[in-house]
Amino acid sequence: MKPKPPTVKLRSKPKPNQNTRELAQHYLAQHGTSHYKEVVRGIKDMGWQSSGDDRLDEKNVNQLLSKDPIFQSLGGRSGKFKLADPKPANV
């Protein structure tokens, strides 16, 4: 199933984490396992308005990917993430 592109208005005045989760999810669905720095570059290309400080953006995206259950870290301090496997429906 091909993921739908984000349906949010991009390049608007950002709010905390506005679009970030959805754009990161879309990026990982398209590109598969990626380092969080690649995710930051990818979502910037998709229209995410960054803070202008690359290190701060990388830190914030890494933190979002680490804490959100739809993303899965590939262990330790590798910095690589993928979309978590969907939970099977109760049968």
PDB file of N, CA and C in Angstrom:
ATOM      1  N   MET A   1       0.845  -1.173   0.000  1.00  0.00           N
ATOM      2  CA  MET A   1       0.000   0.000   0.000  1.00  0.00           C
ATOM      3  C   MET A   1       0.887   1.232   0.000  1.00  0.00           C
ATOM      4  N   LYS A   2       0.708   2.095  -0.970  1.00  0.00           N
ATOM      5  CA  LYS A   2       1.533   3.292  -1.092  1.00  0.00           C
ATOM      6  C   LYS A   2       1.009   4.373  -0.152  1.00  0.00           C
ATOM      7  N   PRO A   3       1.887   4.987   0.666  1.00  0.00           N
ATOM      8  CA  PRO A   3       1.417   6.014   1.603  1.00  0.00           C
ATOM      9  C   PRO A   3       0.973   7.264   0.861  1.00  0.00           C
ATOM     10  N   LYS A   4      -0.047   7.907   1.411  1.00  0.00           N
ATOM     11  CA  LYS A   4      -0.512   9.158   0.836  1.00  0.00           C
ATOM     12  C   LYS A   4       0.442  10.273   1.234  1.00  0.00           C
ATOM     13  N   PRO A   5       0.651  11.252   0.361  1.00  0.00           N
ATOM     14  CA  PRO A   5       1.486  12.384   0.747  1.00  0.00           C
ATOM     15  C   PRO A   5       0.795  13.186   1.840  1.00  0.00           C
ATOM     16  N   PRO A   6       1.549  13.937   2.626  1.00  0.00           N
ATOM     17  CA  PRO A   6       0.943  14.716   3.702  1.00  0.00           C
ATOM     18  C   PRO A   6      -0.103  15.673   3.148  1.00  0.00           C
ATOM     19  N   THR A   7      -1.180  15.825   3.890  1.00  0.00           N
ATOM     20  CA  THR A   7      -2.254  16.713   3.463  1.00  0.00           C
ATOM     21  C   THR A   7      -2.258  17.986   4.284  1.00  0.00           C
ATOM     22  N   VAL A   8      -1.131  18.353   4.825  1.00  0.00           N
ATOM     23  CA  VAL A   8      -1.039  19.532   5.679  1.00  0.00           C
ATOM     24  C   VAL A   8      -0.501  20.700   4.868  1.00  0.00           C
ATOM     25  N   LYS A   9      -0.799  21.886   5.318  1.00  0.00           N
ATOM     26  CA  LYS A   9      -0.286  23.077   4.651  1.00  0.00           C
ATOM     27  C   LYS A   9       1.162  23.272   5.099  1.00  0.00           C
ATOM     28  N   LEU A  10       2.064  23.217   4.139  1.00  0.00           N
ATOM     29  CA  LEU A  10       3.477  23.336   4.460  1.00  0.00           C
ATOM     30  C   LEU A  10       3.934  24.778   4.327  1.00  0.00           C
ATOM     31  N   ARG A  11       5.064  25.081   4.918  1.00  0.00           N
ATOM     32  CA  ARG A  11       5.661  26.414   4.921  1.00  0.00           C
ATOM     33  C   ARG A  11       4.782  27.430   5.650  1.00  0.00           C
ATOM     34  N   SER A  12       3.944  26.943   6.519  1.00  0.00           N
ATOM     35  CA  SER A  12       3.178  27.855   7.350  1.00  0.00           C
ATOM     36  C   SER A  12       3.996  28.137   8.604  1.00  0.00           C
ATOM     37  N   LYS A  13       3.543  29.081   9.393  1.00  0.00           N
ATOM     38  CA  LYS A  13       4.252  29.387  10.632  1.00  0.00           C
ATOM     39  C   LYS A  13       4.216  28.139  11.523  1.00  0.00           C
ATOM     40  N   PRO A  14       5.377  27.625  11.895  1.00  0.00           N
ATOM     41  CA  PRO A  14       5.390  26.346  12.610  1.00  0.00           C
ATOM     42  C   PRO A  14       4.923  26.471  14.055  1.00  0.00           C
ATOM     43  N   LYS A  15       4.315  25.394  14.522  1.00  0.00           N
ATOM     44  CA  LYS A  15       3.987  25.216  15.921  1.00  0.00           C
ATOM     45  C   LYS A  15       4.870  24.060  16.385  1.00  0.00           C
ATOM     46  N   PRO A  16       5.037  23.865  17.680  1.00  0.00           N
ATOM     47  CA  PRO A  16       5.886  22.751  18.123  1.00  0.00           C
ATOM     48  C   PRO A  16       5.418  21.423  17.514  1.00  0.00           C
ATOM     49  N   ASN A  17       6.314  20.764  16.808  1.00  0.00           N
ATOM     50  CA  ASN A  17       6.090  19.470  16.161  1.00  0.00           C
ATOM     51  C   ASN A  17       5.006  19.493  15.087  1.00  0.00           C
ATOM     52  N   GLN A  18       4.584  20.679  14.621  1.00  0.00           N
ATOM     53  CA  GLN A  18       3.591  20.730  13.552  1.00  0.00           C
ATOM     54  C   GLN A  18       4.169  20.045  12.327  1.00  0.00           C
ATOM     55  N   ASN A  19       3.491  19.071  11.812  1.00  0.00           N
ATOM     56  CA  ASN A  19       3.863  18.340  10.605  1.00  0.00           C
ATOM     57  C   ASN A  19       5.079  17.434  10.770  1.00  0.00           C
ATOM     58  N   THR A  20       5.868  17.590  11.783  1.00  0.00           N
ATOM     59  CA  THR A  20       7.127  16.855  11.891  1.00  0.00           C
ATOM     60  C   THR A  20       6.891  15.353  11.920  1.00  0.00           C
ATOM     61  N   ARG A  21       5.969  14.903  12.748  1.00  0.00           N
ATOM     62  CA  ARG A  21       5.699  13.472  12.881  1.00  0.00           C
ATOM     63  C   ARG A  21       5.172  12.907  11.564  1.00  0.00           C
ATOM     64  N   GLU A  22       4.205  13.603  10.972  1.00  0.00           N
ATOM     65  CA  GLU A  22       3.605  13.124   9.732  1.00  0.00           C
ATOM     66  C   GLU A  22       4.627  13.105   8.596  1.00  0.00           C
ATOM     67  N   LEU A  23       5.437  14.144   8.496  1.00  0.00           N
ATOM     68  CA  LEU A  23       6.448  14.190   7.445  1.00  0.00           C
ATOM     69  C   LEU A  23       7.515  13.116   7.653  1.00  0.00           C
ATOM     70  N   ALA A  24       7.941  12.904   8.903  1.00  0.00           N
ATOM     71  CA  ALA A  24       8.931  11.859   9.190  1.00  0.00           C
ATOM     72  C   ALA A  24       8.357  10.486   8.861  1.00  0.00           C
ATOM     73  N   GLN A  25       7.090  10.275   9.179  1.00  0.00           N
ATOM     74  CA  GLN A  25       6.440   9.009   8.875  1.00  0.00           C
ATOM     75  C   GLN A  25       6.383   8.805   7.358  1.00  0.00           C
ATOM     76  N   HIS A  26       6.022   9.831   6.642  1.00  0.00           N
ATOM     77  CA  HIS A  26       5.943   9.751   5.183  1.00  0.00           C
ATOM     78  C   HIS A  26       7.336   9.492   4.584  1.00  0.00           C
ATOM     79  N   TYR A  27       8.346  10.183   5.084  1.00  0.00           N
ATOM     80  CA  TYR A  27       9.712  10.004   4.587  1.00  0.00           C
ATOM     81  C   TYR A  27      10.177   8.560   4.796  1.00  0.00           C
ATOM     82  N   LEU A  28       9.973   8.030   5.998  1.00  0.00           N
ATOM     83  CA  LEU A  28      10.427   6.665   6.290  1.00  0.00           C
ATOM     84  C   LEU A  28       9.631   5.630   5.496  1.00  0.00           C
ATOM     85  N   ALA A  29       8.354   5.920   5.230  1.00  0.00           N
ATOM     86  CA  ALA A  29       7.551   4.996   4.418  1.00  0.00           C
ATOM     87  C   ALA A  29       8.086   4.943   2.989  1.00  0.00           C
ATOM     88  N   GLN A  30       8.562   6.067   2.485  1.00  0.00           N
ATOM     89  CA  GLN A  30       9.098   6.116   1.124  1.00  0.00           C
ATOM     90  C   GLN A  30      10.518   5.567   1.034  1.00  0.00           C
ATOM     91  N   HIS A  31      11.349   5.889   2.015  1.00  0.00           N
ATOM     92  CA  HIS A  31      12.784   5.596   1.921  1.00  0.00           C
ATOM     93  C   HIS A  31      13.245   4.430   2.788  1.00  0.00           C
ATOM     94  N   GLY A  32      12.411   3.947   3.652  1.00  0.00           N
ATOM     95  CA  GLY A  32      12.807   2.837   4.518  1.00  0.00           C
ATOM     96  C   GLY A  32      13.727   3.305   5.634  1.00  0.00           C
ATOM     97  N   THR A  33      14.482   2.387   6.186  1.00  0.00           N
ATOM     98  CA  THR A  33      15.378   2.673   7.296  1.00  0.00           C
ATOM     99  C   THR A  33      16.326   3.807   6.948  1.00  0.00           C
ATOM    100  N   SER A  34      16.384   4.806   7.838  1.00  0.00           N
ATOM    101  CA  SER A  34      17.225   5.975   7.587  1.00  0.00           C
ATOM    102  C   SER A  34      17.792   6.511   8.897  1.00  0.00           C
ATOM    103  N   HIS A  35      18.937   7.152   8.791  1.00  0.00           N
ATOM    104  CA  HIS A  35      19.539   7.847   9.920  1.00  0.00           C
ATOM    105  C   HIS A  35      18.735   9.123  10.168  1.00  0.00           C
ATOM    106  N   TYR A  36      18.638   9.542  11.428  1.00  0.00           N
ATOM    107  CA  TYR A  36      17.805  10.708  11.733  1.00  0.00           C
ATOM    108  C   TYR A  36      18.271  11.970  11.009  1.00  0.00           C
ATOM    109  N   LYS A  37      19.561  12.075  10.699  1.00  0.00           N
ATOM    110  CA  LYS A  37      20.045  13.241   9.951  1.00  0.00           C
ATOM    111  C   LYS A  37      19.516  13.220   8.521  1.00  0.00           C
ATOM    112  N   GLU A  38      19.387  12.027   7.942  1.00  0.00           N
ATOM    113  CA  GLU A  38      18.791  11.897   6.609  1.00  0.00           C
ATOM    114  C   GLU A  38      17.312  12.277   6.654  1.00  0.00           C
ATOM    115  N   VAL A  39      16.638  11.891   7.734  1.00  0.00           N
ATOM    116  CA  VAL A  39      15.219  12.233   7.888  1.00  0.00           C
ATOM    117  C   VAL A  39      15.063  13.754   7.942  1.00  0.00           C
ATOM    118  N   VAL A  40      15.929  14.428   8.682  1.00  0.00           N
ATOM    119  CA  VAL A  40      15.859  15.891   8.775  1.00  0.00           C
ATOM    120  C   VAL A  40      16.029  16.513   7.389  1.00  0.00           C
ATOM    121  N   ARG A  41      17.032  16.073   6.651  1.00  0.00           N
ATOM    122  CA  ARG A  41      17.235  16.616   5.299  1.00  0.00           C
ATOM    123  C   ARG A  41      16.026  16.338   4.408  1.00  0.00           C
ATOM    124  N   GLY A  42      15.483  15.130   4.519  1.00  0.00           N
ATOM    125  CA  GLY A  42      14.337  14.750   3.693  1.00  0.00           C
ATOM    126  C   GLY A  42      13.085  15.556   3.992  1.00  0.00           C
ATOM    127  N   ILE A  43      12.801  15.768   5.277  1.00  0.00           N
ATOM    128  CA  ILE A  43      11.574  16.508   5.597  1.00  0.00           C
ATOM    129  C   ILE A  43      11.747  18.001   5.311  1.00  0.00           C
ATOM    130  N   LYS A  44      12.972  18.489   5.370  1.00  0.00           N
ATOM    131  CA  LYS A  44      13.210  19.877   4.939  1.00  0.00           C
ATOM    132  C   LYS A  44      12.908  20.014   3.453  1.00  0.00           C
ATOM    133  N   ASP A  45      13.322  19.027   2.669  1.00  0.00           N
ATOM    134  CA  ASP A  45      13.043  19.035   1.233  1.00  0.00           C
ATOM    135  C   ASP A  45      11.546  18.944   0.952  1.00  0.00           C
ATOM    136  N   MET A  46      10.787  18.341   1.874  1.00  0.00           N
ATOM    137  CA  MET A  46       9.348  18.196   1.705  1.00  0.00           C
ATOM    138  C   MET A  46       8.591  19.454   2.148  1.00  0.00           C
ATOM    139  N   GLY A  47       9.295  20.431   2.689  1.00  0.00           N
ATOM    140  CA  GLY A  47       8.645  21.682   3.055  1.00  0.00           C
ATOM    141  C   GLY A  47       8.597  21.985   4.537  1.00  0.00           C
ATOM    142  N   TRP A  48       9.218  21.135   5.355  1.00  0.00           N
ATOM    143  CA  TRP A  48       9.223  21.382   6.789  1.00  0.00           C
ATOM    144  C   TRP A  48      10.045  22.632   7.067  1.00  0.00           C
ATOM    145  N   GLN A  49       9.494  23.529   7.862  1.00  0.00           N
ATOM    146  CA  GLN A  49      10.208  24.764   8.180  1.00  0.00           C
ATOM    147  C   GLN A  49      11.046  24.525   9.431  1.00  0.00           C
ATOM    148  N   SER A  50      12.336  24.556   9.257  1.00  0.00           N
ATOM    149  CA  SER A  50      13.255  24.257  10.358  1.00  0.00           C
ATOM    150  C   SER A  50      13.513  25.509  11.184  1.00  0.00           C
ATOM    151  N   SER A  51      14.271  25.324  12.248  1.00  0.00           N
ATOM    152  CA  SER A  51      14.622  26.447  13.116  1.00  0.00           C
ATOM    153  C   SER A  51      15.769  27.270  12.534  1.00  0.00           C
ATOM    154  N   GLY A  52      16.479  26.687  11.566  1.00  0.00           N
ATOM    155  CA  GLY A  52      17.653  27.352  11.008  1.00  0.00           C
ATOM    156  C   GLY A  52      18.952  26.862  11.633  1.00  0.00           C
ATOM    157  N   ASP A  53      18.842  26.139  12.736  1.00  0.00           N
ATOM    158  CA  ASP A  53      20.007  25.572  13.422  1.00  0.00           C
ATOM    159  C   ASP A  53      19.977  24.059  13.191  1.00  0.00           C
ATOM    160  N   ASP A  54      20.859  23.566  12.329  1.00  0.00           N
ATOM    161  CA  ASP A  54      20.842  22.148  11.956  1.00  0.00           C
ATOM    162  C   ASP A  54      20.994  21.228  13.155  1.00  0.00           C
ATOM    163  N   ARG A  55      21.875  21.571  14.077  1.00  0.00           N
ATOM    164  CA  ARG A  55      22.083  20.702  15.249  1.00  0.00           C
ATOM    165  C   ARG A  55      20.831  20.628  16.115  1.00  0.00           C
ATOM    166  N   LEU A  56      20.143  21.748  16.290  1.00  0.00           N
ATOM    167  CA  LEU A  56      18.913  21.764  17.075  1.00  0.00           C
ATOM    168  C   LEU A  56      17.823  20.955  16.364  1.00  0.00           C
ATOM    169  N   ASP A  57      17.705  21.123  15.060  1.00  0.00           N
ATOM    170  CA  ASP A  57      16.712  20.362  14.289  1.00  0.00           C
ATOM    171  C   ASP A  57      16.987  18.866  14.393  1.00  0.00           C
ATOM    172  N   GLU A  58      18.248  18.471  14.250  1.00  0.00           N
ATOM    173  CA  GLU A  58      18.612  17.055  14.343  1.00  0.00           C
ATOM    174  C   GLU A  58      18.293  16.509  15.728  1.00  0.00           C
ATOM    175  N   LYS A  59      18.590  17.272  16.749  1.00  0.00           N
ATOM    176  CA  LYS A  59      18.307  16.837  18.121  1.00  0.00           C
ATOM    177  C   LYS A  59      16.807  16.650  18.324  1.00  0.00           C
ATOM    178  N   ASN A  60      16.019  17.607  17.856  1.00  0.00           N
ATOM    179  CA  ASN A  60      14.571  17.542  18.054  1.00  0.00           C
ATOM    180  C   ASN A  60      13.940  16.390  17.280  1.00  0.00           C
ATOM    181  N   VAL A  61      14.378  16.173  16.046  1.00  0.00           N
ATOM    182  CA  VAL A  61      13.832  15.068  15.261  1.00  0.00           C
ATOM    183  C   VAL A  61      14.260  13.733  15.857  1.00  0.00           C
ATOM    184  N   ASN A  62      15.499  13.619  16.293  1.00  0.00           N
ATOM    185  CA  ASN A  62      15.969  12.397  16.942  1.00  0.00           C
ATOM    186  C   ASN A  62      15.125  12.102  18.182  1.00  0.00           C
ATOM    187  N   GLN A  63      14.836  13.120  18.953  1.00  0.00           N
ATOM    188  CA  GLN A  63      14.030  12.941  20.165  1.00  0.00           C
ATOM    189  C   GLN A  63      12.609  12.502  19.803  1.00  0.00           C
ATOM    190  N   LEU A  64      12.028  13.127  18.786  1.00  0.00           N
ATOM    191  CA  LEU A  64      10.689  12.740  18.346  1.00  0.00           C
ATOM    192  C   LEU A  64      10.667  11.286  17.891  1.00  0.00           C
ATOM    193  N   LEU A  65      11.628  10.894  17.062  1.00  0.00           N
ATOM    194  CA  LEU A  65      11.673   9.526  16.555  1.00  0.00           C
ATOM    195  C   LEU A  65      11.894   8.518  17.680  1.00  0.00           C
ATOM    196  N   SER A  66      12.661   8.910  18.686  1.00  0.00           N
ATOM    197  CA  SER A  66      12.960   8.006  19.797  1.00  0.00           C
ATOM    198  C   SER A  66      11.757   7.769  20.691  1.00  0.00           C
ATOM    199  N   LYS A  67      10.925   8.778  20.853  1.00  0.00           N
ATOM    200  CA  LYS A  67       9.831   8.684  21.823  1.00  0.00           C
ATOM    201  C   LYS A  67       8.504   8.232  21.220  1.00  0.00           C
ATOM    202  N   ASP A  68       8.302   8.420  19.925  1.00  0.00           N
ATOM    203  CA  ASP A  68       7.022   8.104  19.312  1.00  0.00           C
ATOM    204  C   ASP A  68       6.967   6.611  18.969  1.00  0.00           C
ATOM    205  N   PRO A  69       5.910   5.908  19.387  1.00  0.00           N
ATOM    206  CA  PRO A  69       5.859   4.457  19.165  1.00  0.00           C
ATOM    207  C   PRO A  69       5.690   4.030  17.708  1.00  0.00           C
ATOM    208  N   ILE A  70       5.355   4.951  16.797  1.00  0.00           N
ATOM    209  CA  ILE A  70       5.237   4.525  15.397  1.00  0.00           C
ATOM    210  C   ILE A  70       6.606   4.396  14.736  1.00  0.00           C
ATOM    211  N   PHE A  71       7.645   4.876  15.401  1.00  0.00           N
ATOM    212  CA  PHE A  71       9.011   4.761  14.888  1.00  0.00           C
ATOM    213  C   PHE A  71       9.776   3.760  15.744  1.00  0.00           C
ATOM    214  N   GLN A  72      10.652   3.010  15.125  1.00  0.00           N
ATOM    215  CA  GLN A  72      11.439   2.007  15.845  1.00  0.00           C
ATOM    216  C   GLN A  72      12.921   2.270  15.624  1.00  0.00           C
ATOM    217  N   SER A  73      13.645   2.389  16.725  1.00  0.00           N
ATOM    218  CA  SER A  73      15.089   2.559  16.663  1.00  0.00           C
ATOM    219  C   SER A  73      15.730   1.217  16.353  1.00  0.00           C
ATOM    220  N   LEU A  74      16.808   1.254  15.584  1.00  0.00           N
ATOM    221  CA  LEU A  74      17.492   0.009  15.250  1.00  0.00           C
ATOM    222  C   LEU A  74      18.615  -0.292  16.220  1.00  0.00           C
ATOM    223  N   GLY A  75      18.459   0.161  17.428  1.00  0.00           N
ATOM    224  CA  GLY A  75      19.334  -0.267  18.496  1.00  0.00           C
ATOM    225  C   GLY A  75      20.428   0.692  18.878  1.00  0.00           C
ATOM    226  N   GLY A  76      20.645   0.721  20.163  1.00  0.00           N
ATOM    227  CA  GLY A  76      21.737   1.498  20.715  1.00  0.00           C
ATOM    228  C   GLY A  76      21.753   2.938  20.258  1.00  0.00           C
ATOM    229  N   ARG A  77      22.924   3.378  19.908  1.00  0.00           N
ATOM    230  CA  ARG A  77      23.104   4.770  19.508  1.00  0.00           C
ATOM    231  C   ARG A  77      23.375   4.881  18.008  1.00  0.00           C
ATOM    232  N   SER A  78      22.785   3.970  17.240  1.00  0.00           N
ATOM    233  CA  SER A  78      23.034   3.966  15.798  1.00  0.00           C
ATOM    234  C   SER A  78      22.430   5.183  15.115  1.00  0.00           C
ATOM    235  N   GLY A  79      21.340   5.717  15.664  1.00  0.00           N
ATOM    236  CA  GLY A  79      20.677   6.861  15.062  1.00  0.00           C
ATOM    237  C   GLY A  79      19.792   6.487  13.891  1.00  0.00           C
ATOM    238  N   LYS A  80      19.630   5.189  13.630  1.00  0.00           N
ATOM    239  CA  LYS A  80      18.807   4.739  12.511  1.00  0.00           C
ATOM    240  C   LYS A  80      17.425   4.349  13.007  1.00  0.00           C
ATOM    241  N   PHE A  81      16.427   4.706  12.197  1.00  0.00           N
ATOM    242  CA  PHE A  81      15.041   4.451  12.556  1.00  0.00           C
ATOM    243  C   PHE A  81      14.290   3.884  11.366  1.00  0.00           C
ATOM    244  N   LYS A  82      13.212   3.184  11.669  1.00  0.00           N
ATOM    245  CA  LYS A  82      12.280   2.703  10.656  1.00  0.00           C
ATOM    246  C   LYS A  82      10.888   2.806  11.243  1.00  0.00           C
ATOM    247  N   LEU A  83       9.886   2.631  10.399  1.00  0.00           N
ATOM    248  CA  LEU A  83       8.523   2.597  10.903  1.00  0.00           C
ATOM    249  C   LEU A  83       8.332   1.296  11.664  1.00  0.00           C
ATOM    250  N   ALA A  84       7.690   1.377  12.819  1.00  0.00           N
ATOM    251  CA  ALA A  84       7.442   0.184  13.612  1.00  0.00           C
ATOM    252  C   ALA A  84       6.444  -0.705  12.888  1.00  0.00           C
ATOM    253  N   ASP A  85       6.550  -1.992  13.086  1.00  0.00           N
ATOM    254  CA  ASP A  85       5.605  -2.929  12.501  1.00  0.00           C
ATOM    255  C   ASP A  85       4.231  -2.686  13.111  1.00  0.00           C
ATOM    256  N   PRO A  86       3.184  -2.688  12.285  1.00  0.00           N
ATOM    257  CA  PRO A  86       1.847  -2.468  12.841  1.00  0.00           C
ATOM    258  C   PRO A  86       1.463  -3.604  13.765  1.00  0.00           C
ATOM    259  N   LYS A  87       0.699  -3.276  14.778  1.00  0.00           N
ATOM    260  CA  LYS A  87       0.247  -4.288  15.733  1.00  0.00           C
ATOM    261  C   LYS A  87      -0.799  -5.154  15.047  1.00  0.00           C
ATOM    262  N   PRO A  88      -0.704  -6.473  15.199  1.00  0.00           N
ATOM    263  CA  PRO A  88      -1.723  -7.330  14.580  1.00  0.00           C
ATOM    264  C   PRO A  88      -3.075  -7.135  15.266  1.00  0.00           C
ATOM    265  N   ALA A  89      -4.124  -7.212  14.479  1.00  0.00           N
ATOM    266  CA  ALA A  89      -5.474  -7.067  15.037  1.00  0.00           C
ATOM    267  C   ALA A  89      -5.807  -8.298  15.875  1.00  0.00           C
ATOM    268  N   ASN A  90      -6.582  -8.084  16.914  1.00  0.00           N
ATOM    269  CA  ASN A  90      -6.995  -9.228  17.754  1.00  0.00           C
ATOM    270  C   ASN A  90      -7.895 -10.134  16.933  1.00  0.00           C
ATOM    271  N   VAL A  91      -7.565 -11.411  16.971  1.00  0.00           N
ATOM    272  CA  VAL A  91      -8.335 -12.371  16.178  1.00  0.00           C
ATOM    273  C   VAL A  91      -9.285 -13.111  17.079  1.00  0.00           C
TER     274      VAL A  91
END
